[in-house]
Every structure is written in structure tokens, then in C-alpha cells.
Protein backbone atom coordinates (compact mmCIF):
# COMPACT_ATOMS: atom_id res chain seq x y z
CA UNK A 1 130.64 -22.56 119.13
CA UNK A 2 126.98 -22.28 118.19
CA UNK A 3 125.51 -18.97 119.24
CA UNK A 4 122.94 -16.65 117.77
CA UNK A 5 124.39 -13.19 117.35
CA UNK A 6 122.66 -10.10 115.98
CA UNK A 7 125.01 -7.65 114.31
CA UNK A 8 123.65 -4.15 113.91
CA UNK A 9 125.21 -1.91 111.30
CA UNK A 10 124.67 1.86 111.22
CA UNK A 11 125.48 4.53 108.64
CA UNK A 12 129.20 5.04 109.10
CA UNK A 13 131.94 4.71 106.52
CA UNK A 14 133.22 1.92 108.79
CA UNK A 15 130.18 -0.19 107.81
CA UNK A 16 132.38 -2.10 105.37
CA UNK A 17 134.36 -3.45 108.34
CA UNK A 18 131.22 -5.13 109.70
CA UNK A 19 131.35 -7.54 106.75
CA UNK A 20 134.56 -9.04 108.15
CA UNK A 21 133.11 -9.17 111.66
CA UNK A 22 130.11 -11.13 110.39
CA UNK A 23 132.38 -13.40 108.35
CA UNK A 24 134.61 -14.10 111.35
CA UNK A 25 131.64 -14.98 113.55
CA UNK A 26 130.13 -17.28 110.91
CA UNK A 27 133.50 -19.03 110.49
CA UNK A 28 133.48 -19.69 114.27
CA UNK A 29 130.12 -21.43 113.95
CA UNK A 30 127.79 -18.65 115.06
CA UNK A 31 124.42 -18.02 113.49
CA UNK A 32 124.49 -14.35 112.57
CA UNK A 33 121.57 -12.11 111.72
CA UNK A 34 122.32 -8.62 110.45
CA UNK A 35 120.09 -5.60 111.07
CA UNK A 36 120.96 -2.53 109.02
CA UNK A 37 119.79 1.05 109.35
CA UNK A 38 118.69 2.91 106.25
CA UNK A 39 121.94 4.91 106.18
CA UNK A 40 124.08 1.78 106.59
CA UNK A 41 122.62 0.56 103.31
CA UNK A 42 124.13 3.60 101.61
CA UNK A 43 127.60 2.24 102.44
CA UNK A 44 127.17 -1.55 102.11
CA UNK A 45 124.35 -3.37 100.32
CA UNK A 46 122.32 -5.92 102.32
CA UNK A 47 123.12 -8.59 99.69
CA UNK A 48 126.72 -8.56 100.92
CA UNK A 49 125.65 -9.48 104.45
CA UNK A 50 123.07 -11.97 103.22
CA UNK A 51 125.77 -13.73 101.19
CA UNK A 52 128.17 -13.89 104.14
CA UNK A 53 125.64 -14.82 106.84
CA UNK A 54 123.35 -16.99 104.67
CA UNK A 55 120.46 -15.28 106.48
CA UNK A 56 117.96 -12.63 105.45
CA UNK A 57 119.03 -9.14 106.46
CA UNK A 58 116.58 -6.98 108.40
CA UNK A 59 116.41 -3.49 106.91
CA UNK A 60 112.93 -2.34 107.82
CA UNK A 61 110.40 -2.71 110.62
CA UNK A 62 107.57 -3.22 108.15
CA UNK A 63 108.37 -6.32 106.15
CA UNK A 64 105.62 -8.30 104.47
CA UNK A 65 105.63 -11.72 106.07
CA UNK A 66 102.99 -14.41 105.56
CA UNK A 67 103.65 -15.79 109.05
CA UNK A 68 103.70 -12.48 110.92
CA UNK A 69 106.63 -12.31 113.25
CA UNK A 70 107.89 -8.90 114.36
CA UNK A 71 111.54 -9.47 113.52
CA UNK A 72 112.96 -6.96 115.98
CA UNK A 73 111.31 -8.71 118.93
CA UNK A 74 111.88 -12.29 117.80
CA UNK A 75 115.54 -11.60 117.01
CA UNK A 76 116.08 -9.93 120.37
CA UNK A 77 114.50 -12.93 122.12
CA UNK A 78 116.54 -15.44 120.11
CA UNK A 79 119.90 -13.66 120.33
CA UNK A 80 122.62 -14.71 122.74
CA UNK A 81 124.23 -11.33 122.14
CA UNK A 82 123.74 -8.16 120.12
CA UNK A 83 126.64 -6.13 118.77
CA UNK A 84 126.37 -2.81 116.94
CA UNK A 85 129.48 -2.09 114.91
CA UNK A 86 129.85 0.57 113.74
CA UNK A 87 127.60 2.65 115.97
CA UNK A 88 127.06 6.26 114.97
CA UNK A 89 126.47 9.19 117.31
CA UNK A 90 122.87 9.18 116.03
CA UNK A 91 122.32 5.57 117.04
CA UNK A 92 123.98 6.06 120.43
CA UNK A 93 121.85 9.15 121.11
CA UNK A 94 118.65 7.36 120.16
CA UNK A 95 119.33 4.38 122.42
CA UNK A 96 120.46 6.60 125.30
CA UNK A 97 117.19 8.55 124.97
CA UNK A 98 115.06 5.40 124.64
CA UNK A 99 114.07 6.15 121.05
CA UNK A 100 113.15 3.06 119.04
CA UNK A 101 112.17 4.19 115.57
CA UNK A 102 113.81 1.68 113.24
CA UNK A 103 114.49 -2.06 113.15
CA UNK A 104 117.88 -1.77 114.89
CA UNK A 105 116.88 0.50 117.76
CA UNK A 106 113.73 -1.58 118.33
CA UNK A 107 115.82 -4.78 118.42
CA UNK A 108 118.22 -3.26 120.94
CA UNK A 109 115.32 -1.97 123.08
CA UNK A 110 113.77 -5.46 123.13
CA UNK A 111 117.05 -7.15 124.15
CA UNK A 112 117.38 -9.04 127.41
CA UNK A 113 120.86 -10.20 126.48
CA UNK A 114 124.23 -8.39 126.45
CA UNK A 115 124.53 -5.52 123.98
CA UNK A 116 127.96 -4.46 122.74
CA UNK A 117 128.33 -1.08 121.05
CA UNK A 118 131.42 -0.12 119.04
CA UNK A 119 131.28 3.60 118.16
CA UNK A 120 132.79 4.97 114.97
CA UNK A 121 132.65 8.62 113.99
CA UNK A 122 134.67 11.77 113.49
CA UNK A 123 136.76 12.66 116.53
CA UNK A 124 134.94 15.99 117.01
CA UNK A 125 131.66 14.12 117.20
CA UNK A 126 133.03 11.39 119.45
CA UNK A 127 134.52 13.90 121.90
CA UNK A 128 131.37 16.04 121.95
CA UNK A 129 130.19 16.24 125.58
CA UNK A 130 126.68 15.13 124.63
CA UNK A 131 127.96 12.00 122.87
CA UNK A 132 130.23 11.28 125.82
CA UNK A 133 127.30 11.73 128.21
CA UNK A 134 125.20 9.32 126.09
CA UNK A 135 127.98 6.71 126.13
CA UNK A 136 128.32 7.09 129.90
CA UNK A 137 124.57 6.62 130.29
CA UNK A 138 124.65 3.44 128.18
CA UNK A 139 127.50 2.05 130.29
CA UNK A 140 125.52 2.78 133.44
CA UNK A 141 122.66 0.75 131.97
CA UNK A 142 124.92 -2.24 131.35
CA UNK A 143 125.79 -1.77 127.69
CA UNK A 144 129.33 -2.85 126.81
CA UNK A 145 131.19 -0.12 124.95
CA UNK A 146 134.26 -0.90 122.84
CA UNK A 147 136.14 2.38 122.67
CA UNK A 148 137.15 3.60 119.22
CA UNK A 149 140.81 3.80 118.26
CA UNK A 150 143.08 6.69 117.41
CA UNK A 151 143.90 6.69 113.73
CA UNK A 152 143.21 8.08 110.29
CA UNK A 153 139.59 9.13 109.96
CA UNK A 154 137.57 9.44 106.77
CA UNK A 155 138.32 13.19 106.73
CA UNK A 156 141.99 12.32 106.33
CA UNK A 157 142.98 13.70 109.71
CA UNK A 158 144.14 11.70 112.69
CA UNK A 159 141.97 11.43 115.78
CA UNK A 160 139.98 9.21 118.12
CA UNK A 161 136.85 7.86 116.54
CA UNK A 162 138.03 5.09 114.26
CA UNK A 163 136.15 1.79 114.73
CA UNK A 164 138.03 -0.61 117.00
CA UNK A 165 139.79 -3.39 115.13
CA UNK A 166 137.75 -6.36 114.00
CA UNK A 167 139.99 -8.57 116.15
CA UNK A 168 139.17 -6.50 119.24
CA UNK A 169 135.44 -6.54 118.51
CA UNK A 170 135.35 -10.30 117.91
CA UNK A 171 137.45 -10.85 121.04
CA UNK A 172 134.99 -8.86 123.19
CA UNK A 173 132.09 -10.77 121.63
CA UNK A 174 133.69 -14.14 122.41
CA UNK A 175 134.62 -13.08 125.95
CA UNK A 176 131.10 -11.77 126.61
CA UNK A 177 129.55 -15.01 125.35
CA UNK A 178 131.92 -17.05 127.52
CA UNK A 179 130.99 -15.04 130.62
CA UNK A 180 127.27 -15.01 129.88
């Protein structure tokens, strides 16, 4: 399989799991570009993703580039699919409200291809009516949402909000590409 996939990573403790998602997609022959929010970089360094994907990682909208190419737009146009895993409540709220203020939200806003969002957050945040309303709104606009799992959260308690398994996320990606 040779597809171009953009993987967005937001500032959740589950960001480390995105490394395996990227690795799995690269092993299947996909070209993978990673776009990280500022807070995601506090959990996993961009060098990790650059090493796995063998591609530069987008971390900022304003990158010096001798051949000017707004990365968020060119990546969105090139991508066969965009997946954001993990997706925080902050990211979900921004996209649901149409806010594009960083490289990842701008890339998603410029997308004309399927966008998969895999939320990961504390169960209280995930079950918050506003977050649920934002997720519903994204679904209504055609975004594919991979529901989080029940399990141990970073607080140590059990609840719904844990990032779906890497196998589930990759499976949804492959199925979406097949049906595209």
C-alpha cells in the first residue's frame, strides 16, 4: 500500500502511542507526515517521529523555507487521509468551532480528504456535555470518530477516555483508505 497519511498528535499523555501508529503505517508502505501541537512536544520529541517516519515533522505554522510552501495546506492537499491520535478536548473544541490557530488545526481545516479523530482524555473531560456536543458536531460534518476505551487513565482511576488501541486505529485507517 502506498498512501500519504498525515498523523496529528496533540498534548495528551497518550502521545507516546502515536509513535507505534506511525511505525505501523510506515511498515505497511505508507508515507507518513506527522504534525505535532506545541503541547504534544512536551510528551514526545519530534525527533522520535522524524526517525520513525523518515520525514520532517511539522511543529509550527511559521517555518523558514527557501521554497515557500505553506505546509498545512500542501500536506492537506497531498494527504489521502488525516488521523489525529490522540486528540485532546482542546483540539476537538477548536475544530468543532472552526478555530485554526496552529499547524494541526490549519491542516485539518484545509483537508478535503477523510479525517479520523481518536480522542484521549480524562473520563470527566470526555463525558463533559460540551465535549460530547463537539464530538457530535464533528460526526455530523463527516469526521470519523474512534471512540476511546474504558481502562486505566493517567490519574490511576478507571474510566472511559483511554485512547483506542493502536490496532483499532490502524484498522479504521486501512478500512477508510480502502473505501475512499
